[in-house]
Structures are given as C-alpha cells and as structure tokens.
C-alpha cells in the first residue's frame, strides 16, 4: 500500500483523536525529515502507521505478541501498552504490506527508543512526542531543539520522559535508557 491507501485505512480504524495525532506525527516527522535529510515517503509511511496497534485491547496485543514470538520482558509484561510498537510492526506488515525494515523498525521502537537508532527511528520517536496536538511541561524547549539538533532534542525528550515516569513511580523501559546512553556515547 502507498501512503494514501494506509491513511485511508487508518481513518476507518482509529478513533478521531488517535487519527488526528497520527496526522500530527506525519506533519512533524515530514518537517524533521526535510531538516535532517531523511527519505520523505518512508517517513510519512512510518509516521501514519506508528500507532496502528495503539487502540488494540491488552488481550489482543498479548495474543499477537505470543503468536509472533515477540520479546516479552518484565517491563512489557507489567506495562503491556508498550507492546503497541512491536505489535504495530506486525500489523503494518500484515495489513499494509510494509516490508521496508527501516520503516518497520521505526514503528517497532517509537515507544521506547533503542540504542543506535537510525535517523528515521529518531524522527518518528521525536515526532510522536512533540507533534502539534501534544501539550506538556517542557515541550516547547524540545520543539525548539528539534529545529537545531535532532540528538539533543531526543535527549531532552527522554529526560522529560524519565522525570515523568519517576514522578508516577512507574516502570522505565531499559531500551529508553539504552537510547539515551547511546546518544550520549556518540558525543564522548
């Protein structure tokens, strides 16, 4: 499927709120792709597809994860909504025919990040956090940084996430820490 076909299919599947968020991610990610010289069509397809499994029920996410032998670590088992990224990769392959590994990885890791993310993975991770419909303390600083330095914007976004998760006494996924450390090590 091309971008327009995927968007049309998701318009009929996702709630209005989720669909508007996905369109916001497409717009933000497209701007970042132009700024950081990433393939625009791949970016648009990854962005529109990134939350294709977000509104699945936990039971459905778990069934797909088990059927597809996805890694279910302790944090995922305690916070199964994090599965919407990895399950989204599967849904994007099955329902949209996406085969591009770079696009599929961007969908898979958009919730947690990971070490050594590609530029496309970074763009989708960041666009999901800063698209125009999002609002939280510190977002404007991340948006400003996104126009100057992609890695610094991601570091600030991860720091904000870590602070929020700690304030909620919730679990932090190890891949998020790996993503932060990986970027910091690139500057050493």
Foldseek 3Di string as FASTA:
>chain_A
DFLVVLLVVVVVVDDPVVSVLLVLLLVQLLVLCVLVVHDNRLLNNLSNLLQVQQPPDLVVLVVQCVVVVPDCDPQCVVVVSLSSQVVSLVCCCVPVVDDDPLSSVLSNCLSQAAAPRDSSNLSSVLSSAQGPVDDDPPNVVLVVVSNPPSLVSLLSVLVVVVVVCVVVVGDHDVRNVRHNVNSVVVVD
